[in-house]
């Protein structure tokens, strides 16, 4: 059973880390959305620039968890509209968001609000 994000009252799950595999990242890249993600290769090379020439090899190491969706300063997903608290790419959102179980929402709200 999925969750209807359009009925969410606080977008708590939009503060979680959203990781995508390489295939899904490439799909978002085709849609022109790659700037909303940071690849693990980019993170690694920013720490160790001397490995820039090994980018392809490093990419291969991260096929399953290839990139992470960026967050804004408030900790929410970059794709969340701060005024409506709705996903701006709802129909195209990452698989992990589409597959998110509604039973988790209750748990997240309980953890968030103590």
PDB file of N, CA and C in Angstrom:
ATOM      1  N   UNK A   1       0.842  -1.183   0.000  1.00  0.00           N
ATOM      2  CA  UNK A   1       0.000   0.000   0.000  1.00  0.00           C
ATOM      3  C   UNK A   1       0.882   1.238   0.000  1.00  0.00           C
ATOM      4  N   UNK A   2       0.691   2.126  -0.968  1.00  0.00           N
ATOM      5  CA  UNK A   2       1.470   3.348  -1.058  1.00  0.00           C
ATOM      6  C   UNK A   2       0.864   4.451  -0.221  1.00  0.00           C
ATOM      7  N   UNK A   3       1.484   5.594  -0.272  1.00  0.00           N
ATOM      8  CA  UNK A   3       0.988   6.741   0.471  1.00  0.00           C
ATOM      9  C   UNK A   3       0.633   7.832  -0.528  1.00  0.00           C
ATOM     10  N   UNK A   4      -0.409   8.566  -0.251  1.00  0.00           N
ATOM     11  CA  UNK A   4      -0.791   9.681  -1.098  1.00  0.00           C
ATOM     12  C   UNK A   4      -0.128  10.937  -0.544  1.00  0.00           C
ATOM     13  N   UNK A   5       1.007  11.309  -1.126  1.00  0.00           N
ATOM     14  CA  UNK A   5       1.758  12.467  -0.640  1.00  0.00           C
ATOM     15  C   UNK A   5       0.945  13.748  -0.704  1.00  0.00           C
ATOM     16  N   UNK A   6      -0.040  13.791  -1.600  1.00  0.00           N
ATOM     17  CA  UNK A   6      -0.845  15.000  -1.734  1.00  0.00           C
ATOM     18  C   UNK A   6      -1.738  15.232  -0.515  1.00  0.00           C
ATOM     19  N   UNK A   7      -1.887  14.220   0.328  1.00  0.00           N
ATOM     20  CA  UNK A   7      -2.709  14.368   1.531  1.00  0.00           C
ATOM     21  C   UNK A   7      -1.862  14.478   2.803  1.00  0.00           C
ATOM     22  N   UNK A   8      -0.553  14.553   2.633  1.00  0.00           N
ATOM     23  CA  UNK A   8       0.352  14.596   3.781  1.00  0.00           C
ATOM     24  C   UNK A   8       0.195  15.918   4.528  1.00  0.00           C
ATOM     25  N   UNK A   9       0.292  15.851   5.844  1.00  0.00           N
ATOM     26  CA  UNK A   9       0.116  17.070   6.639  1.00  0.00           C
ATOM     27  C   UNK A   9       1.425  17.739   7.058  1.00  0.00           C
ATOM     28  N   UNK A  10       2.550  17.021   6.997  1.00  0.00           N
ATOM     29  CA  UNK A  10       3.795  17.670   7.425  1.00  0.00           C
ATOM     30  C   UNK A  10       5.040  17.283   6.637  1.00  0.00           C
ATOM     31  N   UNK A  11       4.924  16.449   5.653  1.00  0.00           N
ATOM     32  CA  UNK A  11       6.041  16.082   4.780  1.00  0.00           C
ATOM     33  C   UNK A  11       7.255  15.575   5.557  1.00  0.00           C
ATOM     34  N   UNK A  12       7.019  14.840   6.619  1.00  0.00           N
ATOM     35  CA  UNK A  12       8.113  14.351   7.461  1.00  0.00           C
ATOM     36  C   UNK A  12       9.096  13.474   6.685  1.00  0.00           C
ATOM     37  N   UNK A  13       8.586  12.644   5.786  1.00  0.00           N
ATOM     38  CA  UNK A  13       9.493  11.755   5.052  1.00  0.00           C
ATOM     39  C   UNK A  13      10.379  12.531   4.088  1.00  0.00           C
ATOM     40  N   UNK A  14      10.019  13.752   3.754  1.00  0.00           N
ATOM     41  CA  UNK A  14      10.811  14.563   2.831  1.00  0.00           C
ATOM     42  C   UNK A  14      12.070  15.124   3.491  1.00  0.00           C
ATOM     43  N   UNK A  15      12.290  14.758   4.730  1.00  0.00           N
ATOM     44  CA  UNK A  15      13.528  15.128   5.424  1.00  0.00           C
ATOM     45  C   UNK A  15      14.505  13.951   5.465  1.00  0.00           C
ATOM     46  N   UNK A  16      14.042  12.785   5.020  1.00  0.00           N
ATOM     47  CA  UNK A  16      14.895  11.597   5.017  1.00  0.00           C
ATOM     48  C   UNK A  16      15.849  11.634   3.830  1.00  0.00           C
ATOM     49  N   UNK A  17      16.900  10.855   3.914  1.00  0.00           N
ATOM     50  CA  UNK A  17      17.842  10.738   2.808  1.00  0.00           C
ATOM     51  C   UNK A  17      17.209   9.920   1.689  1.00  0.00           C
ATOM     52  N   UNK A  18      17.282  10.447   0.467  1.00  0.00           N
ATOM     53  CA  UNK A  18      16.734   9.757  -0.700  1.00  0.00           C
ATOM     54  C   UNK A  18      17.891   9.394  -1.616  1.00  0.00           C
ATOM     55  N   UNK A  19      18.176   8.106  -1.678  1.00  0.00           N
ATOM     56  CA  UNK A  19      19.253   7.611  -2.527  1.00  0.00           C
ATOM     57  C   UNK A  19      18.661   6.923  -3.752  1.00  0.00           C
ATOM     58  N   UNK A  20      19.336   7.078  -4.881  1.00  0.00           N
ATOM     59  CA  UNK A  20      18.894   6.438  -6.115  1.00  0.00           C
ATOM     60  C   UNK A  20      20.045   5.645  -6.712  1.00  0.00           C
ATOM     61  N   UNK A  21      19.687   4.592  -7.445  1.00  0.00           N
ATOM     62  CA  UNK A  21      20.725   3.817  -8.123  1.00  0.00           C
ATOM     63  C   UNK A  21      21.123   4.538  -9.409  1.00  0.00           C
ATOM     64  N   UNK A  22      22.112   4.002 -10.078  1.00  0.00           N
ATOM     65  CA  UNK A  22      22.639   4.675 -11.261  1.00  0.00           C
ATOM     66  C   UNK A  22      21.588   4.764 -12.376  1.00  0.00           C
ATOM     67  N   UNK A  23      20.804   3.720 -12.562  1.00  0.00           N
ATOM     68  CA  UNK A  23      19.785   3.722 -13.611  1.00  0.00           C
ATOM     69  C   UNK A  23      18.774   4.841 -13.375  1.00  0.00           C
ATOM     70  N   UNK A  24      18.319   4.967 -12.141  1.00  0.00           N
ATOM     71  CA  UNK A  24      17.335   6.012 -11.846  1.00  0.00           C
ATOM     72  C   UNK A  24      17.966   7.402 -11.967  1.00  0.00           C
ATOM     73  N   UNK A  25      19.212   7.530 -11.530  1.00  0.00           N
ATOM     74  CA  UNK A  25      19.911   8.806 -11.681  1.00  0.00           C
ATOM     75  C   UNK A  25      19.987   9.205 -13.157  1.00  0.00           C
ATOM     76  N   UNK A  26      20.325   8.235 -14.014  1.00  0.00           N
ATOM     77  CA  UNK A  26      20.415   8.520 -15.451  1.00  0.00           C
ATOM     78  C   UNK A  26      19.059   8.965 -15.994  1.00  0.00           C
ATOM     79  N   UNK A  27      17.980   8.381 -15.479  1.00  0.00           N
ATOM     80  CA  UNK A  27      16.627   8.792 -15.874  1.00  0.00           C
ATOM     81  C   UNK A  27      16.390  10.252 -15.484  1.00  0.00           C
ATOM     82  N   UNK A  28      16.740  10.620 -14.265  1.00  0.00           N
ATOM     83  CA  UNK A  28      16.563  12.002 -13.827  1.00  0.00           C
ATOM     84  C   UNK A  28      17.466  12.945 -14.619  1.00  0.00           C
ATOM     85  N   UNK A  29      18.624  12.458 -14.992  1.00  0.00           N
ATOM     86  CA  UNK A  29      19.539  13.253 -15.811  1.00  0.00           C
ATOM     87  C   UNK A  29      18.899  13.549 -17.173  1.00  0.00           C
ATOM     88  N   UNK A  30      18.246  12.559 -17.763  1.00  0.00           N
ATOM     89  CA  UNK A  30      17.544  12.750 -19.038  1.00  0.00           C
ATOM     90  C   UNK A  30      16.425  13.786 -18.900  1.00  0.00           C
ATOM     91  N   UNK A  31      15.827  13.862 -17.722  1.00  0.00           N
ATOM     92  CA  UNK A  31      14.763  14.836 -17.458  1.00  0.00           C
ATOM     93  C   UNK A  31      15.320  16.220 -17.104  1.00  0.00           C
ATOM     94  N   UNK A  32      16.659  16.328 -17.048  1.00  0.00           N
ATOM     95  CA  UNK A  32      17.297  17.594 -16.704  1.00  0.00           C
ATOM     96  C   UNK A  32      17.284  17.897 -15.219  1.00  0.00           C
ATOM     97  N   UNK A  33      17.130  16.863 -14.394  1.00  0.00           N
ATOM     98  CA  UNK A  33      17.012  17.048 -12.949  1.00  0.00           C
ATOM     99  C   UNK A  33      18.281  16.676 -12.188  1.00  0.00           C
ATOM    100  N   UNK A  34      19.391  16.441 -12.887  1.00  0.00           N
ATOM    101  CA  UNK A  34      20.599  15.978 -12.224  1.00  0.00           C
ATOM    102  C   UNK A  34      21.162  16.967 -11.206  1.00  0.00           C
ATOM    103  N   UNK A  35      20.857  18.246 -11.355  1.00  0.00           N
ATOM    104  CA  UNK A  35      21.368  19.241 -10.413  1.00  0.00           C
ATOM    105  C   UNK A  35      20.753  19.114  -9.023  1.00  0.00           C
ATOM    106  N   UNK A  36      19.680  18.346  -8.905  1.00  0.00           N
ATOM    107  CA  UNK A  36      19.045  18.128  -7.606  1.00  0.00           C
ATOM    108  C   UNK A  36      19.688  16.966  -6.846  1.00  0.00           C
ATOM    109  N   UNK A  37      20.668  16.332  -7.462  1.00  0.00           N
ATOM    110  CA  UNK A  37      21.334  15.176  -6.866  1.00  0.00           C
ATOM    111  C   UNK A  37      22.828  15.421  -6.721  1.00  0.00           C
ATOM    112  N   UNK A  38      23.421  14.740  -5.766  1.00  0.00           N
ATOM    113  CA  UNK A  38      24.862  14.698  -5.620  1.00  0.00           C
ATOM    114  C   UNK A  38      25.265  13.241  -5.750  1.00  0.00           C
ATOM    115  N   UNK A  39      26.157  12.949  -6.684  1.00  0.00           N
ATOM    116  CA  UNK A  39      26.603  11.563  -6.822  1.00  0.00           C
ATOM    117  C   UNK A  39      27.645  11.266  -5.749  1.00  0.00           C
ATOM    118  N   UNK A  40      27.735  10.008  -5.393  1.00  0.00           N
ATOM    119  CA  UNK A  40      28.740   9.617  -4.407  1.00  0.00           C
ATOM    120  C   UNK A  40      30.144   9.777  -4.971  1.00  0.00           C
ATOM    121  N   UNK A  41      30.268   9.669  -6.278  1.00  0.00           N
ATOM    122  CA  UNK A  41      31.564   9.907  -6.917  1.00  0.00           C
ATOM    123  C   UNK A  41      31.969  11.359  -6.742  1.00  0.00           C
ATOM    124  N   UNK A  42      31.037  12.288  -6.962  1.00  0.00           N
ATOM    125  CA  UNK A  42      31.330  13.709  -6.779  1.00  0.00           C
ATOM    126  C   UNK A  42      31.737  14.007  -5.335  1.00  0.00           C
ATOM    127  N   UNK A  43      31.025  13.394  -4.393  1.00  0.00           N
ATOM    128  CA  UNK A  43      31.383  13.590  -2.973  1.00  0.00           C
ATOM    129  C   UNK A  43      32.809  13.107  -2.709  1.00  0.00           C
ATOM    130  N   UNK A  44      33.123  11.918  -3.225  1.00  0.00           N
ATOM    131  CA  UNK A  44      34.440  11.338  -3.013  1.00  0.00           C
ATOM    132  C   UNK A  44      35.529  12.210  -3.637  1.00  0.00           C
ATOM    133  N   UNK A  45      35.316  12.625  -4.876  1.00  0.00           N
ATOM    134  CA  UNK A  45      36.335  13.415  -5.576  1.00  0.00           C
ATOM    135  C   UNK A  45      36.500  14.798  -4.956  1.00  0.00           C
ATOM    136  N   UNK A  46      35.426  15.338  -4.369  1.00  0.00           N
ATOM    137  CA  UNK A  46      35.575  16.626  -3.684  1.00  0.00           C
ATOM    138  C   UNK A  46      36.497  16.497  -2.469  1.00  0.00           C
ATOM    139  N   UNK A  47      36.511  15.323  -1.863  1.00  0.00           N
ATOM    140  CA  UNK A  47      37.408  15.072  -0.728  1.00  0.00           C
ATOM    141  C   UNK A  47      38.814  14.674  -1.171  1.00  0.00           C
ATOM    142  N   UNK A  48      38.873  13.968  -2.307  1.00  0.00           N
ATOM    143  CA  UNK A  48      40.144  13.456  -2.818  1.00  0.00           C
ATOM    144  C   UNK A  48      40.287  13.789  -4.301  1.00  0.00           C
ATOM    145  N   UNK A  49      40.567  15.056  -4.623  1.00  0.00           N
ATOM    146  CA  UNK A  49      40.607  15.504  -6.016  1.00  0.00           C
ATOM    147  C   UNK A  49      41.611  14.750  -6.900  1.00  0.00           C
ATOM    148  N   UNK A  50      42.614  14.162  -6.288  1.00  0.00           N
ATOM    149  CA  UNK A  50      43.622  13.459  -7.095  1.00  0.00           C
ATOM    150  C   UNK A  50      43.028  12.252  -7.835  1.00  0.00           C
ATOM    151  N   UNK A  51      41.807  11.840  -7.475  1.00  0.00           N
ATOM    152  CA  UNK A  51      41.167  10.692  -8.127  1.00  0.00           C
ATOM    153  C   UNK A  51      40.206  11.092  -9.247  1.00  0.00           C
ATOM    154  N   UNK A  52      40.225  12.345  -9.641  1.00  0.00           N
ATOM    155  CA  UNK A  52      39.337  12.821 -10.715  1.00  0.00           C
ATOM    156  C   UNK A  52      39.453  11.945 -11.962  1.00  0.00           C
ATOM    157  N   UNK A  53      40.645  11.510 -12.284  1.00  0.00           N
ATOM    158  CA  UNK A  53      40.844  10.690 -13.488  1.00  0.00           C
ATOM    159  C   UNK A  53      40.341   9.253 -13.321  1.00  0.00           C
ATOM    160  N   UNK A  54      39.828   8.913 -12.150  1.00  0.00           N
ATOM    161  CA  UNK A  54      39.290   7.575 -11.877  1.00  0.00           C
ATOM    162  C   UNK A  54      37.767   7.597 -11.726  1.00  0.00           C
ATOM    163  N   UNK A  55      37.151   8.659 -12.208  1.00  0.00           N
ATOM    164  CA  UNK A  55      35.709   8.854 -12.058  1.00  0.00           C
ATOM    165  C   UNK A  55      34.895   7.637 -12.508  1.00  0.00           C
ATOM    166  N   UNK A  56      35.206   7.078 -13.667  1.00  0.00           N
ATOM    167  CA  UNK A  56      34.450   5.918 -14.170  1.00  0.00           C
ATOM    168  C   UNK A  56      34.548   4.726 -13.228  1.00  0.00           C
ATOM    169  N   UNK A  57      35.741   4.480 -12.718  1.00  0.00           N
ATOM    170  CA  UNK A  57      35.931   3.363 -11.786  1.00  0.00           C
ATOM    171  C   UNK A  57      35.156   3.581 -10.489  1.00  0.00           C
ATOM    172  N   UNK A  58      35.170   4.797 -10.015  1.00  0.00           N
ATOM    173  CA  UNK A  58      34.454   5.115  -8.771  1.00  0.00           C
ATOM    174  C   UNK A  58      32.949   5.012  -8.999  1.00  0.00           C
ATOM    175  N   UNK A  59      32.474   5.474 -10.157  1.00  0.00           N
ATOM    176  CA  UNK A  59      31.057   5.336 -10.501  1.00  0.00           C
ATOM    177  C   UNK A  59      30.616   3.873 -10.426  1.00  0.00           C
ATOM    178  N   UNK A  60      31.433   2.982 -10.944  1.00  0.00           N
ATOM    179  CA  UNK A  60      31.099   1.552 -10.959  1.00  0.00           C
ATOM    180  C   UNK A  60      30.963   0.988  -9.545  1.00  0.00           C
ATOM    181  N   UNK A  61      31.684   1.555  -8.610  1.00  0.00           N
ATOM    182  CA  UNK A  61      31.616   1.097  -7.220  1.00  0.00           C
ATOM    183  C   UNK A  61      30.288   1.484  -6.564  1.00  0.00           C
ATOM    184  N   UNK A  62      29.599   2.440  -7.150  1.00  0.00           N
ATOM    185  CA  UNK A  62      28.379   2.977  -6.539  1.00  0.00           C
ATOM    186  C   UNK A  62      27.145   2.763  -7.404  1.00  0.00           C
ATOM    187  N   UNK A  63      27.068   1.703  -8.142  1.00  0.00           N
ATOM    188  CA  UNK A  63      25.934   1.454  -9.033  1.00  0.00           C
ATOM    189  C   UNK A  63      24.594   1.418  -8.279  1.00  0.00           C
ATOM    190  N   UNK A  64      24.563   0.742  -7.139  1.00  0.00           N
ATOM    191  CA  UNK A  64      23.290   0.548  -6.422  1.00  0.00           C
ATOM    192  C   UNK A  64      22.870   1.773  -5.632  1.00  0.00           C
ATOM    193  N   UNK A  65      23.788   2.428  -5.004  1.00  0.00           N
ATOM    194  CA  UNK A  65      23.517   3.688  -4.298  1.00  0.00           C
ATOM    195  C   UNK A  65      24.400   4.731  -4.958  1.00  0.00           C
ATOM    196  N   UNK A  66      23.905   5.279  -6.060  1.00  0.00           N
ATOM    197  CA  UNK A  66      24.721   6.116  -6.936  1.00  0.00           C
ATOM    198  C   UNK A  66      24.707   7.594  -6.552  1.00  0.00           C
ATOM    199  N   UNK A  67      23.539   8.077  -6.133  1.00  0.00           N
ATOM    200  CA  UNK A  67      23.410   9.509  -5.840  1.00  0.00           C
ATOM    201  C   UNK A  67      22.381   9.723  -4.744  1.00  0.00           C
ATOM    202  N   UNK A  68      22.460  10.898  -4.141  1.00  0.00           N
ATOM    203  CA  UNK A  68      21.519  11.274  -3.086  1.00  0.00           C
ATOM    204  C   UNK A  68      20.868  12.602  -3.468  1.00  0.00           C
ATOM    205  N   UNK A  69      19.585  12.706  -3.179  1.00  0.00           N
ATOM    206  CA  UNK A  69      18.839  13.930  -3.456  1.00  0.00           C
ATOM    207  C   UNK A  69      19.302  15.021  -2.490  1.00  0.00           C
ATOM    208  N   UNK A  70      19.543  16.198  -3.005  1.00  0.00           N
ATOM    209  CA  UNK A  70      20.023  17.305  -2.176  1.00  0.00           C
ATOM    210  C   UNK A  70      18.928  17.804  -1.238  1.00  0.00           C
ATOM    211  N   UNK A  71      19.363  18.398  -0.154  1.00  0.00           N
ATOM    212  CA  UNK A  71      18.456  18.982   0.835  1.00  0.00           C
ATOM    213  C   UNK A  71      18.684  20.497   0.882  1.00  0.00           C
ATOM    214  N   UNK A  72      17.640  21.210   1.267  1.00  0.00           N
ATOM    215  CA  UNK A  72      17.763  22.648   1.484  1.00  0.00           C
ATOM    216  C   UNK A  72      18.296  22.877   2.898  1.00  0.00           C
ATOM    217  N   UNK A  73      18.572  24.116   3.226  1.00  0.00           N
ATOM    218  CA  UNK A  73      19.100  24.451   4.557  1.00  0.00           C
ATOM    219  C   UNK A  73      18.172  24.035   5.680  1.00  0.00           C
ATOM    220  N   UNK A  74      16.864  23.989   5.408  1.00  0.00           N
ATOM    221  CA  UNK A  74      15.904  23.603   6.441  1.00  0.00           C
ATOM    222  C   UNK A  74      15.816  22.087   6.631  1.00  0.00           C
ATOM    223  N   UNK A  75      16.593  21.339   5.837  1.00  0.00           N
ATOM    224  CA  UNK A  75      16.621  19.889   5.974  1.00  0.00           C
ATOM    225  C   UNK A  75      15.626  19.153   5.093  1.00  0.00           C
ATOM    226  N   UNK A  76      14.763  19.895   4.414  1.00  0.00           N
ATOM    227  CA  UNK A  76      13.780  19.273   3.528  1.00  0.00           C
ATOM    228  C   UNK A  76      14.372  19.055   2.140  1.00  0.00           C
ATOM    229  N   UNK A  77      13.801  18.114   1.433  1.00  0.00           N
ATOM    230  CA  UNK A  77      14.163  17.796   0.062  1.00  0.00           C
ATOM    231  C   UNK A  77      14.091  19.052  -0.801  1.00  0.00           C
ATOM    232  N   UNK A  78      15.056  19.172  -1.719  1.00  0.00           N
ATOM    233  CA  UNK A  78      15.083  20.303  -2.640  1.00  0.00           C
ATOM    234  C   UNK A  78      13.836  20.384  -3.518  1.00  0.00           C
ATOM    235  N   UNK A  79      13.170  19.265  -3.709  1.00  0.00           N
ATOM    236  CA  UNK A  79      12.021  19.217  -4.608  1.00  0.00           C
ATOM    237  C   UNK A  79      10.691  19.506  -3.906  1.00  0.00           C
ATOM    238  N   UNK A  80      10.747  19.802  -2.627  1.00  0.00           N
ATOM    239  CA  UNK A  80       9.539  20.095  -1.855  1.00  0.00           C
ATOM    240  C   UNK A  80       9.251  21.595  -1.908  1.00  0.00           C
ATOM    241  N   UNK A  81       8.034  21.944  -2.265  1.00  0.00           N
ATOM    242  CA  UNK A  81       7.622  23.347  -2.284  1.00  0.00           C
ATOM    243  C   UNK A  81       7.430  23.801  -0.833  1.00  0.00           C
ATOM    244  N   UNK A  82       8.172  24.800  -0.368  1.00  0.00           N
ATOM    245  CA  UNK A  82       8.100  25.212   1.039  1.00  0.00           C
ATOM    246  C   UNK A  82       6.772  25.863   1.425  1.00  0.00           C
ATOM    247  N   UNK A  83       6.032  26.342   0.449  1.00  0.00           N
ATOM    248  CA  UNK A  83       4.762  27.004   0.748  1.00  0.00           C
ATOM    249  C   UNK A  83       3.605  26.012   0.853  1.00  0.00           C
ATOM    250  N   UNK A  84       3.596  25.040  -0.033  1.00  0.00           N
ATOM    251  CA  UNK A  84       2.505  24.053  -0.032  1.00  0.00           C
ATOM    252  C   UNK A  84       2.884  22.768   0.685  1.00  0.00           C
ATOM    253  N   UNK A  85       4.191  22.565   0.895  1.00  0.00           N
ATOM    254  CA  UNK A  85       4.744  21.322   1.461  1.00  0.00           C
ATOM    255  C   UNK A  85       4.361  20.114   0.598  1.00  0.00           C
ATOM    256  N   UNK A  86       4.276  20.341  -0.704  1.00  0.00           N
ATOM    257  CA  UNK A  86       3.999  19.276  -1.661  1.00  0.00           C
ATOM    258  C   UNK A  86       5.200  19.105  -2.583  1.00  0.00           C
ATOM    259  N   UNK A  87       5.368  17.905  -3.078  1.00  0.00           N
ATOM    260  CA  UNK A  87       6.450  17.578  -3.995  1.00  0.00           C
ATOM    261  C   UNK A  87       6.221  18.280  -5.336  1.00  0.00           C
ATOM    262  N   UNK A  88       7.244  18.965  -5.817  1.00  0.00           N
ATOM    263  CA  UNK A  88       7.121  19.688  -7.084  1.00  0.00           C
ATOM    264  C   UNK A  88       7.255  18.771  -8.299  1.00  0.00           C
ATOM    265  N   UNK A  89       7.686  17.545  -8.080  1.00  0.00           N
ATOM    266  CA  UNK A  89       7.830  16.572  -9.181  1.00  0.00           C
ATOM    267  C   UNK A  89       7.087  15.287  -8.825  1.00  0.00           C
ATOM    268  N   UNK A  90       5.951  15.442  -8.178  1.00  0.00           N
ATOM    269  CA  UNK A  90       5.219  14.303  -7.626  1.00  0.00           C
ATOM    270  C   UNK A  90       5.070  13.144  -8.605  1.00  0.00           C
ATOM    271  N   UNK A  91       4.693  13.418  -9.832  1.00  0.00           N
ATOM    272  CA  UNK A  91       4.486  12.352 -10.818  1.00  0.00           C
ATOM    273  C   UNK A  91       5.799  11.718 -11.268  1.00  0.00           C
ATOM    274  N   UNK A  92       6.913  12.415 -11.061  1.00  0.00           N
ATOM    275  CA  UNK A  92       8.225  11.927 -11.495  1.00  0.00           C
ATOM    276  C   UNK A  92       9.142  11.635 -10.311  1.00  0.00           C
ATOM    277  N   UNK A  93       8.619  11.642  -9.098  1.00  0.00           N
ATOM    278  CA  UNK A  93       9.449  11.497  -7.903  1.00  0.00           C
ATOM    279  C   UNK A  93      10.216  10.171  -7.908  1.00  0.00           C
ATOM    280  N   UNK A  94      11.321  10.107  -7.176  1.00  0.00           N
ATOM    281  CA  UNK A  94      12.130   8.882  -7.128  1.00  0.00           C
ATOM    282  C   UNK A  94      11.327   7.670  -6.648  1.00  0.00           C
ATOM    283  N   UNK A  95      11.779   6.516  -7.063  1.00  0.00           N
ATOM    284  CA  UNK A  95      11.112   5.254  -6.727  1.00  0.00           C
ATOM    285  C   UNK A  95      10.973   5.081  -5.213  1.00  0.00           C
ATOM    286  N   UNK A  96      12.003   5.414  -4.469  1.00  0.00           N
ATOM    287  CA  UNK A  96      11.938   5.253  -3.016  1.00  0.00           C
ATOM    288  C   UNK A  96      10.803   6.088  -2.432  1.00  0.00           C
ATOM    289  N   UNK A  97      10.523   7.228  -3.019  1.00  0.00           N
ATOM    290  CA  UNK A  97       9.403   8.065  -2.562  1.00  0.00           C
ATOM    291  C   UNK A  97       8.068   7.449  -2.964  1.00  0.00           C
ATOM    292  N   UNK A  98       8.006   6.931  -4.186  1.00  0.00           N
ATOM    293  CA  UNK A  98       6.763   6.303  -4.650  1.00  0.00           C
ATOM    294  C   UNK A  98       6.444   5.052  -3.849  1.00  0.00           C
ATOM    295  N   UNK A  99       7.469   4.310  -3.455  1.00  0.00           N
ATOM    296  CA  UNK A  99       7.279   3.042  -2.740  1.00  0.00           C
ATOM    297  C   UNK A  99       7.161   3.200  -1.234  1.00  0.00           C
ATOM    298  N   UNK A 100       7.277   4.409  -0.748  1.00  0.00           N
ATOM    299  CA  UNK A 100       7.255   4.653   0.686  1.00  0.00           C
ATOM    300  C   UNK A 100       5.924   4.191   1.281  1.00  0.00           C
ATOM    301  N   UNK A 101       5.979   3.427   2.337  1.00  0.00           N
ATOM    302  CA  UNK A 101       4.769   2.882   2.963  1.00  0.00           C
ATOM    303  C   UNK A 101       4.155   3.874   3.936  1.00  0.00           C
ATOM    304  N   UNK A 102       2.858   4.005   3.890  1.00  0.00           N
ATOM    305  CA  UNK A 102       2.179   4.974   4.747  1.00  0.00           C
ATOM    306  C   UNK A 102       2.335   4.644   6.231  1.00  0.00           C
ATOM    307  N   UNK A 103       2.571   3.395   6.567  1.00  0.00           N
ATOM    308  CA  UNK A 103       2.743   3.046   7.980  1.00  0.00           C
ATOM    309  C   UNK A 103       4.004   3.685   8.545  1.00  0.00           C
ATOM    310  N   UNK A 104       4.956   3.985   7.686  1.00  0.00           N
ATOM    311  CA  UNK A 104       6.181   4.637   8.140  1.00  0.00           C
ATOM    312  C   UNK A 104       5.917   6.085   8.545  1.00  0.00           C
ATOM    313  N   UNK A 105       4.938   6.717   7.888  1.00  0.00           N
ATOM    314  CA  UNK A 105       4.637   8.124   8.188  1.00  0.00           C
ATOM    315  C   UNK A 105       4.290   8.300   9.661  1.00  0.00           C
ATOM    316  N   UNK A 106       3.466   7.425  10.168  1.00  0.00           N
ATOM    317  CA  UNK A 106       3.058   7.517  11.568  1.00  0.00           C
ATOM    318  C   UNK A 106       4.288   7.391  12.477  1.00  0.00           C
ATOM    319  N   UNK A 107       5.156   6.454  12.173  1.00  0.00           N
ATOM    320  CA  UNK A 107       6.364   6.251  12.968  1.00  0.00           C
ATOM    321  C   UNK A 107       7.261   7.481  12.917  1.00  0.00           C
ATOM    322  N   UNK A 108       7.443   8.039  11.723  1.00  0.00           N
ATOM    323  CA  UNK A 108       8.280   9.236  11.578  1.00  0.00           C
ATOM    324  C   UNK A 108       7.695  10.398  12.368  1.00  0.00           C
ATOM    325  N   UNK A 109       6.389  10.577  12.290  1.00  0.00           N
ATOM    326  CA  UNK A 109       5.754  11.670  13.039  1.00  0.00           C
ATOM    327  C   UNK A 109       5.942  11.479  14.543  1.00  0.00           C
ATOM    328  N   UNK A 110       5.833  10.237  15.006  1.00  0.00           N
ATOM    329  CA  UNK A 110       6.025   9.954  16.430  1.00  0.00           C
ATOM    330  C   UNK A 110       7.454  10.258  16.846  1.00  0.00           C
ATOM    331  N   UNK A 111       8.423   9.871  16.016  1.00  0.00           N
ATOM    332  CA  UNK A 111       9.824  10.137  16.324  1.00  0.00           C
ATOM    333  C   UNK A 111      10.127  11.639  16.303  1.00  0.00           C
ATOM    334  N   UNK A 112       9.554  12.319  15.321  1.00  0.00           N
ATOM    335  CA  UNK A 112       9.795  13.747  15.156  1.00  0.00           C
ATOM    336  C   UNK A 112       9.201  14.563  16.292  1.00  0.00           C
ATOM    337  N   UNK A 113       8.030  14.166  16.756  1.00  0.00           N
ATOM    338  CA  UNK A 113       7.333  14.946  17.776  1.00  0.00           C
ATOM    339  C   UNK A 113       7.440  14.363  19.187  1.00  0.00           C
ATOM    340  N   UNK A 114       8.206  13.317  19.312  1.00  0.00           N
ATOM    341  CA  UNK A 114       8.457  12.719  20.630  1.00  0.00           C
ATOM    342  C   UNK A 114       7.314  12.002  21.135  1.00  0.00           C
TER     343      UNK A 114
END
